[in-house]
Amino acid sequence: SFRLLVRSGFNIGRDMMGTMANTLVLAYIGSALSMVLLLSASADSI
């Protein structure tokens, strides 16, 4: 039914959102890691 598919879709989405959000965050951090390290070492404050 419509209700069954909506409930199942949201349950599946909840299981996926954590890992997929981590995928994007870690991908961007990894691509800019050298820059982040340099700026972190030279920054006067957070």
All heavy atoms as atom14 arrays in JSON, in Angstrom:
{
  "sequence": "SFRLLVRSGFNIGRDMMGTMANTLVLAYIGSALSMVLLLSASADSI",
  "atom14_mask": [
    [1, 1, 1, 1, 1, 1, 0, 0, 0, 0, 0, 0, 0, 0],
    [1, 1, 1, 1, 1, 1, 1, 1, 1, 1, 1, 0, 0, 0],
    [1, 1, 1, 1, 1, 1, 1, 1, 1, 1, 1, 0, 0, 0],
    [1, 1, 1, 1, 1, 1, 1, 1, 0, 0, 0, 0, 0, 0],
    [1, 1, 1, 1, 1, 1, 1, 1, 0, 0, 0, 0, 0, 0],
    [1, 1, 1, 1, 1, 1, 1, 0, 0, 0, 0, 0, 0, 0],
    [1, 1, 1, 1, 1, 1, 1, 1, 1, 1, 1, 0, 0, 0],
    [1, 1, 1, 1, 1, 1, 0, 0, 0, 0, 0, 0, 0, 0],
    [1, 1, 1, 1, 0, 0, 0, 0, 0, 0, 0, 0, 0, 0],
    [1, 1, 1, 1, 1, 1, 1, 1, 1, 1, 1, 0, 0, 0],
    [1, 1, 1, 1, 1, 1, 1, 1, 0, 0, 0, 0, 0, 0],
    [1, 1, 1, 1, 1, 1, 1, 1, 0, 0, 0, 0, 0, 0],
    [1, 1, 1, 1, 0, 0, 0, 0, 0, 0, 0, 0, 0, 0],
    [1, 1, 1, 1, 1, 1, 1, 1, 1, 1, 1, 0, 0, 0],
    [1, 1, 1, 1, 1, 1, 1, 1, 0, 0, 0, 0, 0, 0],
    [1, 1, 1, 1, 1, 1, 1, 1, 0, 0, 0, 0, 0, 0],
    [1, 1, 1, 1, 1, 1, 1, 1, 0, 0, 0, 0, 0, 0],
    [1, 1, 1, 1, 0, 0, 0, 0, 0, 0, 0, 0, 0, 0],
    [1, 1, 1, 1, 1, 1, 1, 0, 0, 0, 0, 0, 0, 0],
    [1, 1, 1, 1, 1, 1, 1, 1, 0, 0, 0, 0, 0, 0],
    [1, 1, 1, 1, 1, 0, 0, 0, 0, 0, 0, 0, 0, 0],
    [1, 1, 1, 1, 1, 1, 1, 1, 0, 0, 0, 0, 0, 0],
    [1, 1, 1, 1, 1, 1, 1, 0, 0, 0, 0, 0, 0, 0],
    [1, 1, 1, 1, 1, 1, 1, 1, 0, 0, 0, 0, 0, 0],
    [1, 1, 1, 1, 1, 1, 1, 0, 0, 0, 0, 0, 0, 0],
    [1, 1, 1, 1, 1, 1, 1, 1, 0, 0, 0, 0, 0, 0],
    [1, 1, 1, 1, 1, 0, 0, 0, 0, 0, 0, 0, 0, 0],
    [1, 1, 1, 1, 1, 1, 1, 1, 1, 1, 1, 1, 0, 0],
    [1, 1, 1, 1, 1, 1, 1, 1, 0, 0, 0, 0, 0, 0],
    [1, 1, 1, 1, 0, 0, 0, 0, 0, 0, 0, 0, 0, 0],
    [1, 1, 1, 1, 1, 1, 0, 0, 0, 0, 0, 0, 0, 0],
    [1, 1, 1, 1, 1, 0, 0, 0, 0, 0, 0, 0, 0, 0],
    [1, 1, 1, 1, 1, 1, 1, 1, 0, 0, 0, 0, 0, 0],
    [1, 1, 1, 1, 1, 1, 0, 0, 0, 0, 0, 0, 0, 0],
    [1, 1, 1, 1, 1, 1, 1, 1, 0, 0, 0, 0, 0, 0],
    [1, 1, 1, 1, 1, 1, 1, 0, 0, 0, 0, 0, 0, 0],
    [1, 1, 1, 1, 1, 1, 1, 1, 0, 0, 0, 0, 0, 0],
    [1, 1, 1, 1, 1, 1, 1, 1, 0, 0, 0, 0, 0, 0],
    [1, 1, 1, 1, 1, 1, 1, 1, 0, 0, 0, 0, 0, 0],
    [1, 1, 1, 1, 1, 1, 0, 0, 0, 0, 0, 0, 0, 0],
    [1, 1, 1, 1, 1, 0, 0, 0, 0, 0, 0, 0, 0, 0],
    [1, 1, 1, 1, 1, 1, 0, 0, 0, 0, 0, 0, 0, 0],
    [1, 1, 1, 1, 1, 0, 0, 0, 0, 0, 0, 0, 0, 0],
    [1, 1, 1, 1, 1, 1, 1, 1, 0, 0, 0, 0, 0, 0],
    [1, 1, 1, 1, 1, 1, 0, 0, 0, 0, 0, 0, 0, 0],
    [1, 1, 1, 1, 1, 1, 1, 1, 0, 0, 0, 0, 0, 0]
  ],
  "atom14_positions": [
    [[0.84, -1.19, 0.0], [0.0, 0.0, 0.0], [0.87, 1.25, 0.0], [2.09, 1.18, 0.22], [-0.9, 0.01, 1.24], [-0.11, 0.06, 2.42], [0.0, 0.0, 0.0], [0.0, 0.0, 0.0], [0.0, 0.0, 0.0], [0.0, 0.0, 0.0], [0.0, 0.0, 0.0], [0.0, 0.0, 0.0], [0.0, 0.0, 0.0], [0.0, 0.0, 0.0]],
    [[0.25, 2.38, -0.25], [0.96, 3.66, -0.23], [1.61, 3.87, 1.13], [2.78, 4.27, 1.23], [-0.02, 4.78, -0.54], [0.59, 6.15, -0.51], [1.17, 6.71, -1.65], [0.58, 6.9, 0.65], [1.74, 7.97, -1.61], [1.14, 8.17, 0.7], [1.72, 8.7, -0.44], [0.0, 0.0, 0.0], [0.0, 0.0, 0.0], [0.0, 0.0, 0.0]],
    [[0.88, 3.6, 2.18], [1.4, 3.8, 3.54], [2.58, 2.88, 3.83], [3.57, 3.31, 4.45], [0.27, 3.56, 4.55], [0.67, 3.85, 5.98], [-0.54, 3.69, 6.91], [-0.18, 3.95, 8.28], [-1.02, 3.9, 9.29], [-2.3, 3.58, 9.06], [-0.62, 4.16, 10.51], [0.0, 0.0, 0.0], [0.0, 0.0, 0.0], [0.0, 0.0, 0.0]],
    [[2.48, 1.63, 3.38], [3.58, 0.68, 3.61], [4.85, 1.14, 2.91], [5.95, 1.11, 3.5], [3.17, -0.7, 3.1], [4.28, -1.77, 3.1], [4.75, -2.06, 4.52], [3.81, -3.04, 2.4], [0.0, 0.0, 0.0], [0.0, 0.0, 0.0], [0.0, 0.0, 0.0], [0.0, 0.0, 0.0], [0.0, 0.0, 0.0], [0.0, 0.0, 0.0]],
    [[4.73, 1.57, 1.67], [5.91, 2.0, 0.93], [6.52, 3.27, 1.52], [7.75, 3.4, 1.58], [5.55, 2.22, -0.54], [5.17, 0.97, -1.34], [4.94, 1.33, -2.79], [6.24, -0.11, -1.23], [0.0, 0.0, 0.0], [0.0, 0.0, 0.0], [0.0, 0.0, 0.0], [0.0, 0.0, 0.0], [0.0, 0.0, 0.0], [0.0, 0.0, 0.0]],
    [[5.67, 4.2, 1.97], [6.2, 5.42, 2.58], [6.95, 5.09, 3.87], [8.06, 5.58, 4.1], [5.06, 6.42, 2.85], [5.55, 7.58, 3.73], [4.52, 6.97, 1.54], [0.0, 0.0, 0.0], [0.0, 0.0, 0.0], [0.0, 0.0, 0.0], [0.0, 0.0, 0.0], [0.0, 0.0, 0.0], [0.0, 0.0, 0.0], [0.0, 0.0, 0.0]],
    [[6.35, 4.26, 4.71], [7.0, 3.89, 5.96], [8.32, 3.14, 5.69], [9.34, 3.43, 6.34], [6.06, 3.02, 6.81], [6.64, 2.69, 8.18], [5.62, 1.99, 9.07], [5.25, 0.67, 8.54], [4.04, 0.4, 8.05], [3.1, 1.33, 8.01], [3.77, -0.8, 7.59], [0.0, 0.0, 0.0], [0.0, 0.0, 0.0], [0.0, 0.0, 0.0]],
    [[8.3, 2.23, 4.73], [9.52, 1.48, 4.4], [10.6, 2.41, 3.83], [11.78, 2.29, 4.16], [9.19, 0.37, 3.4], [8.24, -0.52, 3.92], [0.0, 0.0, 0.0], [0.0, 0.0, 0.0], [0.0, 0.0, 0.0], [0.0, 0.0, 0.0], [0.0, 0.0, 0.0], [0.0, 0.0, 0.0], [0.0, 0.0, 0.0], [0.0, 0.0, 0.0]],
    [[10.18, 3.34, 2.96], [11.14, 4.27, 2.37], [11.81, 5.13, 3.41], [13.03, 5.35, 3.36], [0.0, 0.0, 0.0], [0.0, 0.0, 0.0], [0.0, 0.0, 0.0], [0.0, 0.0, 0.0], [0.0, 0.0, 0.0], [0.0, 0.0, 0.0], [0.0, 0.0, 0.0], [0.0, 0.0, 0.0], [0.0, 0.0, 0.0], [0.0, 0.0, 0.0]],
    [[11.06, 5.62, 4.38], [11.65, 6.45, 5.43], [12.57, 5.62, 6.33], [13.61, 6.11, 6.78], [10.55, 7.12, 6.25], [10.06, 8.39, 5.65], [9.0, 8.39, 4.76], [10.65, 9.6, 5.96], [8.54, 9.57, 4.2], [10.2, 10.79, 5.4], [9.14, 10.78, 4.51], [0.0, 0.0, 0.0], [0.0, 0.0, 0.0], [0.0, 0.0, 0.0]],
    [[12.2, 4.38, 6.61], [13.08, 3.52, 7.42], [14.39, 3.24, 6.69], [15.47, 3.28, 7.29], [12.35, 2.21, 7.75], [11.24, 2.4, 8.76], [11.26, 3.35, 9.55], [10.26, 1.51, 8.74], [0.0, 0.0, 0.0], [0.0, 0.0, 0.0], [0.0, 0.0, 0.0], [0.0, 0.0, 0.0], [0.0, 0.0, 0.0], [0.0, 0.0, 0.0]],
    [[14.29, 2.95, 5.4], [15.51, 2.71, 4.61], [16.35, 3.98, 4.55], [17.58, 3.95, 4.7], [15.13, 2.25, 3.19], [14.44, 0.89, 3.25], [16.37, 2.18, 2.3], [13.8, 0.49, 1.94], [0.0, 0.0, 0.0], [0.0, 0.0, 0.0], [0.0, 0.0, 0.0], [0.0, 0.0, 0.0], [0.0, 0.0, 0.0], [0.0, 0.0, 0.0]],
    [[15.69, 5.13, 4.36], [16.41, 6.39, 4.29], [17.13, 6.73, 5.58], [18.25, 7.25, 5.55], [0.0, 0.0, 0.0], [0.0, 0.0, 0.0], [0.0, 0.0, 0.0], [0.0, 0.0, 0.0], [0.0, 0.0, 0.0], [0.0, 0.0, 0.0], [0.0, 0.0, 0.0], [0.0, 0.0, 0.0], [0.0, 0.0, 0.0], [0.0, 0.0, 0.0]],
    [[16.5, 6.43, 6.71], [17.16, 6.71, 7.99], [18.43, 5.89, 8.14], [19.43, 6.37, 8.71], [16.2, 6.41, 9.15], [15.03, 7.36, 9.25], [14.25, 7.15, 10.53], [13.01, 7.94, 10.52], [11.83, 7.46, 10.2], [11.69, 6.18, 9.87], [10.76, 8.24, 10.21], [0.0, 0.0, 0.0], [0.0, 0.0, 0.0], [0.0, 0.0, 0.0]],
    [[18.4, 4.65, 7.66], [19.6, 3.81, 7.74], [20.71, 4.32, 6.82], [21.89, 4.11, 7.09], [19.26, 2.36, 7.39], [18.41, 1.69, 8.45], [18.45, 2.15, 9.61], [17.71, 0.71, 8.12], [0.0, 0.0, 0.0], [0.0, 0.0, 0.0], [0.0, 0.0, 0.0], [0.0, 0.0, 0.0], [0.0, 0.0, 0.0], [0.0, 0.0, 0.0]],
    [[20.31, 4.97, 5.72], [21.3, 5.4, 4.74], [21.89, 6.77, 5.05], [23.03, 7.05, 4.69], [20.66, 5.45, 3.34], [20.19, 4.13, 2.81], [19.36, 4.34, 1.23], [20.68, 5.04, 0.26], [0.0, 0.0, 0.0], [0.0, 0.0, 0.0], [0.0, 0.0, 0.0], [0.0, 0.0, 0.0], [0.0, 0.0, 0.0], [0.0, 0.0, 0.0]],
    [[21.11, 7.66, 5.69], [21.53, 9.06, 5.77], [22.83, 9.24, 6.55], [23.65, 10.11, 6.22], [20.42, 9.91, 6.38], [20.1, 9.61, 7.83], [18.86, 10.76, 8.52], [17.46, 10.45, 7.46], [0.0, 0.0, 0.0], [0.0, 0.0, 0.0], [0.0, 0.0, 0.0], [0.0, 0.0, 0.0], [0.0, 0.0, 0.0], [0.0, 0.0, 0.0]],
    [[23.05, 8.42, 7.58], [24.27, 8.58, 8.37], [25.53, 8.29, 7.56], [26.47, 9.09, 7.54], [0.0, 0.0, 0.0], [0.0, 0.0, 0.0], [0.0, 0.0, 0.0], [0.0, 0.0, 0.0], [0.0, 0.0, 0.0], [0.0, 0.0, 0.0], [0.0, 0.0, 0.0], [0.0, 0.0, 0.0], [0.0, 0.0, 0.0], [0.0, 0.0, 0.0]],
    [[25.54, 7.18, 6.86], [26.72, 6.82, 6.08], [26.91, 7.72, 4.87], [28.03, 8.07, 4.52], [26.63, 5.35, 5.63], [25.41, 5.15, 4.91], [26.66, 4.42, 6.82], [0.0, 0.0, 0.0], [0.0, 0.0, 0.0], [0.0, 0.0, 0.0], [0.0, 0.0, 0.0], [0.0, 0.0, 0.0], [0.0, 0.0, 0.0], [0.0, 0.0, 0.0]],
    [[25.8, 8.12, 4.22], [25.94, 8.96, 3.05], [26.41, 10.36, 3.42], [27.21, 10.97, 2.71], [24.6, 9.05, 2.29], [24.19, 7.74, 1.64], [25.47, 7.03, 0.59], [25.74, 8.33, -0.58], [0.0, 0.0, 0.0], [0.0, 0.0, 0.0], [0.0, 0.0, 0.0], [0.0, 0.0, 0.0], [0.0, 0.0, 0.0], [0.0, 0.0, 0.0]],
    [[25.94, 10.91, 4.55], [26.43, 12.2, 5.01], [27.91, 12.11, 5.33], [28.69, 13.01, 5.0], [25.63, 12.66, 6.23], [0.0, 0.0, 0.0], [0.0, 0.0, 0.0], [0.0, 0.0, 0.0], [0.0, 0.0, 0.0], [0.0, 0.0, 0.0], [0.0, 0.0, 0.0], [0.0, 0.0, 0.0], [0.0, 0.0, 0.0], [0.0, 0.0, 0.0]],
    [[28.32, 11.02, 5.97], [29.75, 10.82, 6.24], [30.55, 10.73, 4.97], [31.69, 11.2, 4.89], [29.95, 9.54, 7.06], [29.71, 9.76, 8.54], [29.81, 10.88, 9.03], [29.38, 8.7, 9.25], [0.0, 0.0, 0.0], [0.0, 0.0, 0.0], [0.0, 0.0, 0.0], [0.0, 0.0, 0.0], [0.0, 0.0, 0.0], [0.0, 0.0, 0.0]],
    [[29.96, 10.12, 3.92], [30.66, 9.99, 2.65], [31.02, 11.36, 2.09], [32.16, 11.6, 1.67], [29.78, 9.23, 1.63], [29.54, 7.91, 2.12], [30.46, 9.16, 0.28], [0.0, 0.0, 0.0], [0.0, 0.0, 0.0], [0.0, 0.0, 0.0], [0.0, 0.0, 0.0], [0.0, 0.0, 0.0], [0.0, 0.0, 0.0], [0.0, 0.0, 0.0]],
    [[30.07, 12.28, 2.1], [30.33, 13.61, 1.57], [31.32, 14.37, 2.45], [32.28, 14.98, 1.94], [29.03, 14.4, 1.46], [28.13, 14.07, 0.26], [26.87, 14.92, 0.31], [28.86, 14.33, -1.05], [0.0, 0.0, 0.0], [0.0, 0.0, 0.0], [0.0, 0.0, 0.0], [0.0, 0.0, 0.0], [0.0, 0.0, 0.0], [0.0, 0.0, 0.0]],
    [[31.1, 14.35, 3.75], [31.97, 15.1, 4.66], [33.41, 14.6, 4.56], [34.36, 15.39, 4.43], [31.45, 15.01, 6.11], [32.46, 15.61, 7.07], [30.11, 15.72, 6.24], [0.0, 0.0, 0.0], [0.0, 0.0, 0.0], [0.0, 0.0, 0.0], [0.0, 0.0, 0.0], [0.0, 0.0, 0.0], [0.0, 0.0, 0.0], [0.0, 0.0, 0.0]],
    [[33.59, 13.29, 4.61], [34.94, 12.74, 4.55], [35.58, 12.97, 3.19], [36.79, 13.16, 3.09], [34.9, 11.24, 4.88], [34.49, 10.9, 6.32], [34.4, 9.39, 6.49], [35.48, 11.49, 7.32], [0.0, 0.0, 0.0], [0.0, 0.0, 0.0], [0.0, 0.0, 0.0], [0.0, 0.0, 0.0], [0.0, 0.0, 0.0], [0.0, 0.0, 0.0]],
    [[34.78, 12.93, 2.12], [35.34, 13.19, 0.78], [35.87, 14.61, 0.68], [36.98, 14.84, 0.16], [34.27, 12.95, -0.28], [0.0, 0.0, 0.0], [0.0, 0.0, 0.0], [0.0, 0.0, 0.0], [0.0, 0.0, 0.0], [0.0, 0.0, 0.0], [0.0, 0.0, 0.0], [0.0, 0.0, 0.0], [0.0, 0.0, 0.0], [0.0, 0.0, 0.0]],
    [[35.13, 15.58, 1.19], [35.59, 16.97, 1.12], [36.77, 17.21, 2.05], [37.7, 17.95, 1.71], [34.44, 17.92, 1.47], [33.39, 18.0, 0.39], [32.04, 17.8, 0.68], [33.73, 18.27, -0.92], [31.08, 17.88, -0.32], [32.78, 18.34, -1.92], [31.46, 18.14, -1.61], [30.51, 18.21, -2.6], [0.0, 0.0, 0.0], [0.0, 0.0, 0.0]],
    [[36.76, 16.61, 3.24], [37.9, 16.75, 4.14], [39.15, 16.14, 3.53], [40.24, 16.71, 3.57], [37.59, 16.12, 5.51], [36.51, 16.92, 6.24], [38.85, 16.05, 6.37], [36.09, 16.31, 7.56], [0.0, 0.0, 0.0], [0.0, 0.0, 0.0], [0.0, 0.0, 0.0], [0.0, 0.0, 0.0], [0.0, 0.0, 0.0], [0.0, 0.0, 0.0]],
    [[38.99, 14.95, 2.95], [40.15, 14.29, 2.34], [40.72, 15.07, 1.18], [41.94, 15.16, 1.02], [0.0, 0.0, 0.0], [0.0, 0.0, 0.0], [0.0, 0.0, 0.0], [0.0, 0.0, 0.0], [0.0, 0.0, 0.0], [0.0, 0.0, 0.0], [0.0, 0.0, 0.0], [0.0, 0.0, 0.0], [0.0, 0.0, 0.0], [0.0, 0.0, 0.0]],
    [[39.86, 15.67, 0.35], [40.35, 16.41, -0.81], [41.07, 17.69, -0.41], [41.91, 18.19, -1.16], [39.19, 16.74, -1.75], [38.26, 17.6, -1.1], [0.0, 0.0, 0.0], [0.0, 0.0, 0.0], [0.0, 0.0, 0.0], [0.0, 0.0, 0.0], [0.0, 0.0, 0.0], [0.0, 0.0, 0.0], [0.0, 0.0, 0.0], [0.0, 0.0, 0.0]],
    [[40.75, 18.25, 0.76], [41.35, 19.51, 1.19], [42.21, 19.32, 2.44], [42.45, 20.28, 3.17], [40.25, 20.54, 1.47], [0.0, 0.0, 0.0], [0.0, 0.0, 0.0], [0.0, 0.0, 0.0], [0.0, 0.0, 0.0], [0.0, 0.0, 0.0], [0.0, 0.0, 0.0], [0.0, 0.0, 0.0], [0.0, 0.0, 0.0], [0.0, 0.0, 0.0]],
    [[42.7, 18.1, 2.67], [43.4, 17.82, 3.91], [44.69, 18.64, 4.06], [44.98, 19.18, 5.13], [43.72, 16.33, 4.01], [44.34, 15.85, 5.33], [43.45, 16.2, 6.5], [44.62, 14.36, 5.28], [0.0, 0.0, 0.0], [0.0, 0.0, 0.0], [0.0, 0.0, 0.0], [0.0, 0.0, 0.0], [0.0, 0.0, 0.0], [0.0, 0.0, 0.0]],
    [[45.47, 18.75, 2.98], [46.72, 19.52, 3.05], [46.44, 20.97, 3.41], [47.13, 21.58, 4.24], [47.47, 19.44, 1.72], [47.84, 18.12, 1.43], [0.0, 0.0, 0.0], [0.0, 0.0, 0.0], [0.0, 0.0, 0.0], [0.0, 0.0, 0.0], [0.0, 0.0, 0.0], [0.0, 0.0, 0.0], [0.0, 0.0, 0.0], [0.0, 0.0, 0.0]],
    [[45.42, 21.55, 2.79], [45.07, 22.94, 3.08], [44.6, 23.09, 4.52], [44.98, 24.04, 5.22], [43.98, 23.39, 2.12], [43.51, 24.82, 2.35], [42.06, 25.23, 1.36], [40.82, 24.18, 2.13], [0.0, 0.0, 0.0], [0.0, 0.0, 0.0], [0.0, 0.0, 0.0], [0.0, 0.0, 0.0], [0.0, 0.0, 0.0], [0.0, 0.0, 0.0]],
    [[43.79, 22.14, 5.0], [43.29, 22.21, 6.37], [44.45, 22.12, 7.37], [44.5, 22.85, 8.37], [42.26, 21.1, 6.63], [41.87, 21.04, 8.1], [41.02, 21.33, 5.78], [0.0, 0.0, 0.0], [0.0, 0.0, 0.0], [0.0, 0.0, 0.0], [0.0, 0.0, 0.0], [0.0, 0.0, 0.0], [0.0, 0.0, 0.0], [0.0, 0.0, 0.0]],
    [[45.38, 21.21, 7.12], [46.54, 21.08, 8.0], [47.36, 22.35, 8.04], [47.79, 22.81, 9.11], [47.41, 19.9, 7.54], [46.84, 18.5, 7.75], [47.72, 17.46, 7.09], [46.67, 18.2, 9.24], [0.0, 0.0, 0.0], [0.0, 0.0, 0.0], [0.0, 0.0, 0.0], [0.0, 0.0, 0.0], [0.0, 0.0, 0.0], [0.0, 0.0, 0.0]],
    [[47.6, 22.94, 6.88], [48.41, 24.17, 6.81], [47.73, 25.31, 7.54], [48.35, 26.03, 8.33], [48.65, 24.54, 5.35], [49.44, 25.83, 5.1], [50.83, 25.73, 5.69], [49.51, 26.14, 3.61], [0.0, 0.0, 0.0], [0.0, 0.0, 0.0], [0.0, 0.0, 0.0], [0.0, 0.0, 0.0], [0.0, 0.0, 0.0], [0.0, 0.0, 0.0]],
    [[46.44, 25.49, 7.27], [45.73, 26.59, 7.91], [45.59, 26.37, 9.41], [45.65, 27.32, 10.2], [44.35, 26.76, 7.27], [44.35, 27.23, 5.82], [42.92, 27.3, 5.29], [45.01, 28.59, 5.68], [0.0, 0.0, 0.0], [0.0, 0.0, 0.0], [0.0, 0.0, 0.0], [0.0, 0.0, 0.0], [0.0, 0.0, 0.0], [0.0, 0.0, 0.0]],
    [[45.4, 25.11, 9.83], [45.29, 24.82, 11.26], [46.59, 25.11, 11.99], [46.59, 25.61, 13.13], [44.9, 23.35, 11.47], [43.65, 23.07, 10.87], [0.0, 0.0, 0.0], [0.0, 0.0, 0.0], [0.0, 0.0, 0.0], [0.0, 0.0, 0.0], [0.0, 0.0, 0.0], [0.0, 0.0, 0.0], [0.0, 0.0, 0.0], [0.0, 0.0, 0.0]],
    [[47.71, 24.83, 11.32], [49.01, 25.07, 11.95], [49.35, 26.56, 12.03], [50.06, 26.99, 12.94], [50.11, 24.33, 11.18], [0.0, 0.0, 0.0], [0.0, 0.0, 0.0], [0.0, 0.0, 0.0], [0.0, 0.0, 0.0], [0.0, 0.0, 0.0], [0.0, 0.0, 0.0], [0.0, 0.0, 0.0], [0.0, 0.0, 0.0], [0.0, 0.0, 0.0]],
    [[48.87, 27.34, 11.07], [49.24, 28.76, 11.0], [48.18, 29.7, 11.55], [48.45, 30.9, 11.69], [49.54, 29.14, 9.55], [48.41, 28.92, 8.72], [0.0, 0.0, 0.0], [0.0, 0.0, 0.0], [0.0, 0.0, 0.0], [0.0, 0.0, 0.0], [0.0, 0.0, 0.0], [0.0, 0.0, 0.0], [0.0, 0.0, 0.0], [0.0, 0.0, 0.0]],
    [[46.99, 29.2, 11.85], [45.92, 30.08, 12.3], [46.2, 30.58, 13.72], [46.71, 29.85, 14.57], [44.59, 29.34, 12.27], [0.0, 0.0, 0.0], [0.0, 0.0, 0.0], [0.0, 0.0, 0.0], [0.0, 0.0, 0.0], [0.0, 0.0, 0.0], [0.0, 0.0, 0.0], [0.0, 0.0, 0.0], [0.0, 0.0, 0.0], [0.0, 0.0, 0.0]],
    [[45.88, 31.84, 13.97], [46.06, 32.42, 15.29], [44.98, 31.97, 16.27], [45.2, 31.96, 17.48], [46.07, 33.95, 15.2], [47.24, 34.47, 14.36], [48.3, 33.81, 14.39], [47.09, 35.49, 13.68], [0.0, 0.0, 0.0], [0.0, 0.0, 0.0], [0.0, 0.0, 0.0], [0.0, 0.0, 0.0], [0.0, 0.0, 0.0], [0.0, 0.0, 0.0]],
    [[43.8, 31.65, 15.75], [42.72, 31.21, 16.62], [41.74, 30.37, 15.82], [41.7, 30.42, 14.59], [41.98, 32.43, 17.21], [41.29, 33.12, 16.19], [0.0, 0.0, 0.0], [0.0, 0.0, 0.0], [0.0, 0.0, 0.0], [0.0, 0.0, 0.0], [0.0, 0.0, 0.0], [0.0, 0.0, 0.0], [0.0, 0.0, 0.0], [0.0, 0.0, 0.0]],
    [[40.96, 29.56, 16.52], [39.93, 28.75, 15.88], [38.89, 29.65, 15.22], [38.39, 29.34, 14.12], [39.26, 27.83, 16.91], [40.27, 26.81, 17.45], [38.06, 27.12, 16.3], [40.79, 25.86, 16.4], [0.0, 0.0, 0.0], [0.0, 0.0, 0.0], [0.0, 0.0, 0.0], [0.0, 0.0, 0.0], [0.0, 0.0, 0.0], [0.0, 0.0, 0.0]]
  ]
}
